């Protein structure tokens, strides 16, 4: 589904991504872990076209994304659940969801619709006339996920979906990610919550100082306390 090869990204003179290589297979969830400043969010932003890489290649189902604008990348089938949720506070729940909605002509029978998102997150249906800033943190995260799903993506980029949430809500987010993966959606999950990442992902990568320094299964990571301590501070 997604392939990055030796991607280098800079902010001014700061060399943030220093040769990142990773793949997300179709219908799988890959988790990207690491401490603050490791380059995880920059990786997400580079894939989405919000930041330009200087070297390397980024391909979605074989198509080069390097020269495309963010809106063109989105239309090819990449949905983004951004860090901090980025809900529009002056729009209702329904308006937040539908403003970016897009049809899925390739598979209309399995398209994400407003009713399908409401079935996944019933609380959003109950509060659809409320404004975006009238939701709890967990409800805002549901809204951010639902908004991305309504673009009918092939690949979902999720940047720190558990950030600032209570443990019981984090469990619900984990349930949602697993459910989405079971529908066949490909997911790149950026997280700092080790438990959530290992529960949802098929494969885990760890970043440190702009590079992928470890790669393996969730079970292998949970068994490797040295790697957890060295790169995650666990």
Protein backbone atom coordinates (compact mmCIF):
# COMPACT_ATOMS: atom_id res chain seq x y z
CA UNK A 1 0.00 0.00 0.00
CA UNK A 2 2.63 2.52 1.13
CA UNK A 3 6.39 2.47 0.67
CA UNK A 4 8.99 4.96 1.88
CA UNK A 5 12.58 4.54 0.72
CA UNK A 6 15.44 6.57 2.23
CA UNK A 7 13.30 9.65 2.90
CA UNK A 8 15.12 12.77 4.11
CA UNK A 9 13.14 15.76 5.39
CA UNK A 10 14.40 19.09 6.72
CA UNK A 11 12.94 22.01 8.66
CA UNK A 12 15.16 24.80 7.45
CA UNK A 13 18.70 23.54 8.14
CA UNK A 14 17.53 20.95 10.68
CA UNK A 15 17.81 17.44 9.25
CA UNK A 16 14.77 15.71 10.80
CA UNK A 17 14.21 12.50 8.80
CA UNK A 18 17.55 10.91 8.02
CA UNK A 19 16.78 8.12 5.58
CA UNK A 20 13.45 6.67 6.74
CA UNK A 21 12.44 3.42 5.07
CA UNK A 22 9.17 1.66 5.88
CA UNK A 23 6.25 -0.14 4.27
CA UNK A 24 2.57 -0.50 5.15
CA UNK A 25 1.08 -3.64 3.55
CA UNK A 26 -2.48 -3.53 2.32
CA UNK A 27 -5.02 -4.24 5.04
CA UNK A 28 -2.43 -4.12 7.84
CA UNK A 29 -1.67 -1.77 10.71
CA UNK A 30 1.91 -0.60 11.23
CA UNK A 31 2.76 1.32 14.41
CA UNK A 32 5.54 3.89 14.58
CA UNK A 33 6.85 4.44 18.10
CA UNK A 34 9.51 6.68 19.59
CA UNK A 35 10.22 9.45 22.05
CA UNK A 36 9.20 13.07 21.50
CA UNK A 37 11.30 14.58 18.74
CA UNK A 38 12.15 11.26 17.11
CA UNK A 39 10.55 12.31 13.81
CA UNK A 40 7.24 10.44 13.95
CA UNK A 41 4.93 13.37 13.20
CA UNK A 42 7.33 14.65 10.55
CA UNK A 43 7.02 11.26 8.87
CA UNK A 44 3.23 11.58 8.83
CA UNK A 45 3.40 15.16 7.52
CA UNK A 46 5.88 14.18 4.83
CA UNK A 47 3.64 11.36 3.58
CA UNK A 48 0.63 13.70 3.53
CA UNK A 49 2.56 16.37 1.62
CA UNK A 50 2.40 18.93 4.42
CA UNK A 51 6.22 18.91 4.48
CA UNK A 52 8.40 18.22 1.44
CA UNK A 53 11.15 15.64 1.54
CA UNK A 54 14.41 16.51 -0.17
CA UNK A 55 15.51 12.98 -1.00
CA UNK A 56 14.03 9.52 -1.19
CA UNK A 57 10.76 8.17 -2.55
CA UNK A 58 7.20 7.91 -1.22
CA UNK A 59 4.81 5.68 -3.13
CA UNK A 60 1.15 4.79 -2.65
CA UNK A 61 0.34 1.59 -4.53
CA UNK A 62 3.34 2.32 -6.74
CA UNK A 63 2.43 5.93 -7.49
CA UNK A 64 5.01 8.58 -6.63
CA UNK A 65 3.65 11.19 -4.20
CA UNK A 66 6.72 13.41 -4.07
CA UNK A 67 5.59 16.20 -6.39
CA UNK A 68 1.92 16.24 -5.40
CA UNK A 69 0.11 18.85 -3.28
CA UNK A 70 -1.58 17.73 -0.04
CA UNK A 71 -5.08 17.87 -1.56
CA UNK A 72 -3.94 15.70 -4.48
CA UNK A 73 -2.41 13.15 -2.11
CA UNK A 74 -5.63 13.08 -0.10
CA UNK A 75 -7.68 12.43 -3.23
CA UNK A 76 -5.51 9.43 -4.06
CA UNK A 77 -6.80 7.77 -0.90
CA UNK A 78 -4.88 8.96 2.15
CA UNK A 79 -6.87 10.09 5.20
CA UNK A 80 -5.27 11.94 8.11
CA UNK A 81 -6.26 11.91 11.78
CA UNK A 82 -3.98 14.73 12.96
CA UNK A 83 -2.27 15.14 16.28
CA UNK A 84 -4.42 17.39 18.49
CA UNK A 85 -7.58 16.41 16.52
CA UNK A 86 -7.93 19.87 14.85
CA UNK A 87 -11.70 20.00 15.23
CA UNK A 88 -13.47 23.09 13.85
CA UNK A 89 -14.97 24.59 17.04
CA UNK A 90 -17.53 26.82 15.26
CA UNK A 91 -19.02 23.96 13.20
CA UNK A 92 -21.51 21.37 14.40
CA UNK A 93 -20.54 17.71 14.70
CA UNK A 94 -22.39 16.94 11.48
CA UNK A 95 -20.70 19.82 9.66
CA UNK A 96 -17.26 18.75 10.90
CA UNK A 97 -17.91 15.27 9.55
CA UNK A 98 -19.40 16.13 6.18
CA UNK A 99 -17.25 19.08 5.11
CA UNK A 100 -14.52 16.77 3.76
CA UNK A 101 -16.74 13.83 2.76
CA UNK A 102 -15.87 12.17 -0.52
CA UNK A 103 -17.42 9.31 -2.46
CA UNK A 104 -15.69 5.98 -3.08
CA UNK A 105 -16.36 5.19 -6.74
CA UNK A 106 -14.02 2.17 -6.66
CA UNK A 107 -16.04 0.34 -4.02
CA UNK A 108 -19.41 2.08 -3.47
CA UNK A 109 -20.90 -0.91 -1.65
CA UNK A 110 -18.37 -0.54 1.17
CA UNK A 111 -18.06 3.24 1.21
CA UNK A 112 -17.94 5.18 4.46
CA UNK A 113 -21.12 7.21 4.84
CA UNK A 114 -22.41 9.47 7.58
CA UNK A 115 -24.74 6.73 8.81
CA UNK A 116 -21.86 4.25 8.92
CA UNK A 117 -19.73 6.65 10.97
CA UNK A 118 -22.67 7.22 13.32
CA UNK A 119 -23.00 3.44 13.71
CA UNK A 120 -19.31 3.27 14.66
CA UNK A 121 -19.59 6.24 17.05
CA UNK A 122 -23.22 6.49 18.27
CA UNK A 123 -22.40 9.40 20.60
CA UNK A 124 -21.68 11.58 17.55
CA UNK A 125 -25.19 10.90 16.25
CA UNK A 126 -26.64 11.82 19.64
CA UNK A 127 -24.74 15.11 19.66
CA UNK A 128 -24.64 15.93 15.95
CA UNK A 129 -26.08 19.42 16.50
CA UNK A 130 -23.52 20.32 19.16
CA UNK A 131 -20.54 22.46 18.25
CA UNK A 132 -17.08 20.92 17.93
CA UNK A 133 -15.82 22.61 21.09
CA UNK A 134 -18.67 21.12 23.16
CA UNK A 135 -17.26 17.60 23.03
CA UNK A 136 -14.97 15.83 25.47
CA UNK A 137 -11.45 14.89 24.38
CA UNK A 138 -12.49 11.33 23.61
CA UNK A 139 -15.50 12.46 21.59
CA UNK A 140 -13.31 14.90 19.66
CA UNK A 141 -10.99 12.01 18.81
CA UNK A 142 -13.96 10.01 17.53
CA UNK A 143 -14.96 13.02 15.45
CA UNK A 144 -11.45 13.35 13.98
CA UNK A 145 -11.44 9.65 13.05
CA UNK A 146 -14.94 9.85 11.58
CA UNK A 147 -14.02 12.93 9.53
CA UNK A 148 -11.03 11.10 8.03
CA UNK A 149 -13.12 7.99 7.29
CA UNK A 150 -15.65 10.05 5.34
CA UNK A 151 -12.91 10.89 2.83
CA UNK A 152 -13.07 7.13 2.05
CA UNK A 153 -9.32 6.52 2.33
CA UNK A 154 -7.36 3.43 1.35
CA UNK A 155 -4.70 4.35 3.90
CA UNK A 156 -5.34 6.03 7.25
CA UNK A 157 -2.58 8.05 8.93
CA UNK A 158 -3.21 8.37 12.67
CA UNK A 159 -0.98 10.73 14.65
CA UNK A 160 -1.05 10.14 18.44
CA UNK A 161 -4.77 9.22 18.71
CA UNK A 162 -4.43 8.40 22.43
CA UNK A 163 -2.84 11.72 23.38
CA UNK A 164 -4.48 13.34 26.41
CA UNK A 165 -7.16 10.66 26.81
CA UNK A 166 -8.22 8.72 29.90
CA UNK A 167 -7.24 5.02 29.99
CA UNK A 168 -10.79 3.79 29.41
CA UNK A 169 -11.07 6.01 26.30
CA UNK A 170 -7.69 4.80 25.06
CA UNK A 171 -9.08 1.27 25.22
CA UNK A 172 -12.04 2.40 23.10
CA UNK A 173 -9.70 3.98 20.56
CA UNK A 174 -7.80 0.68 20.42
CA UNK A 175 -11.07 -1.17 19.79
CA UNK A 176 -11.85 1.24 16.94
CA UNK A 177 -8.44 0.82 15.29
CA UNK A 178 -8.76 -2.97 15.42
CA UNK A 179 -12.27 -2.76 13.96
CA UNK A 180 -11.08 -0.51 11.13
CA UNK A 181 -8.21 -2.87 10.34
CA UNK A 182 -10.68 -5.74 10.17
CA UNK A 183 -12.58 -3.87 7.44
CA UNK A 184 -9.44 -4.05 5.28
CA UNK A 185 -8.24 -0.49 5.86
CA UNK A 186 -4.47 0.03 5.87
CA UNK A 187 -3.25 2.08 8.86
CA UNK A 188 -0.03 3.83 9.82
CA UNK A 189 -0.33 4.53 13.53
CA UNK A 190 2.02 6.97 15.27
CA UNK A 191 1.88 6.43 19.02
CA UNK A 192 3.70 6.80 22.31
CA UNK A 193 1.34 4.43 24.12
CA UNK A 194 3.15 1.09 23.92
CA UNK A 195 0.15 -0.97 25.02
CA UNK A 196 -2.20 0.53 22.43
CA UNK A 197 0.32 0.23 19.63
CA UNK A 198 1.15 -3.40 20.34
CA UNK A 199 -2.50 -4.30 20.67
CA UNK A 200 -3.55 -2.75 17.34
CA UNK A 201 -0.51 -3.23 15.11
CA UNK A 202 0.67 -6.16 13.03
CA UNK A 203 4.18 -4.71 12.95
CA UNK A 204 5.99 -2.15 15.08
CA UNK A 205 8.79 0.22 14.11
CA UNK A 206 10.76 2.41 16.51
CA UNK A 207 12.23 5.75 15.47
CA UNK A 208 15.13 7.54 17.10
CA UNK A 209 16.77 10.75 15.87
CA UNK A 210 15.08 10.59 12.48
CA UNK A 211 15.83 6.96 11.72
CA UNK A 212 14.03 3.63 12.08
CA UNK A 213 16.22 1.79 14.59
CA UNK A 214 14.11 -1.30 15.35
CA UNK A 215 11.45 -3.31 13.54
CA UNK A 216 9.52 -6.40 14.54
CA UNK A 217 6.29 -7.90 15.81
CA UNK A 218 4.43 -6.52 18.84
CA UNK A 219 5.24 -9.74 20.74
CA UNK A 220 8.96 -9.35 20.01
CA UNK A 221 8.93 -5.76 21.26
CA UNK A 222 7.03 -6.61 24.45
CA UNK A 223 9.60 -9.31 25.17
CA UNK A 224 12.57 -7.01 24.53
CA UNK A 225 12.89 -4.88 27.64
CA UNK A 226 16.29 -3.52 26.58
CA UNK A 227 14.84 -1.95 23.42
CA UNK A 228 11.87 -0.59 25.36
CA UNK A 229 14.16 1.05 27.90
CA UNK A 230 16.66 2.39 25.40
CA UNK A 231 14.29 3.92 22.88
CA UNK A 232 10.93 4.32 24.65
CA UNK A 233 11.96 5.00 28.24
CA UNK A 234 9.79 2.15 29.52
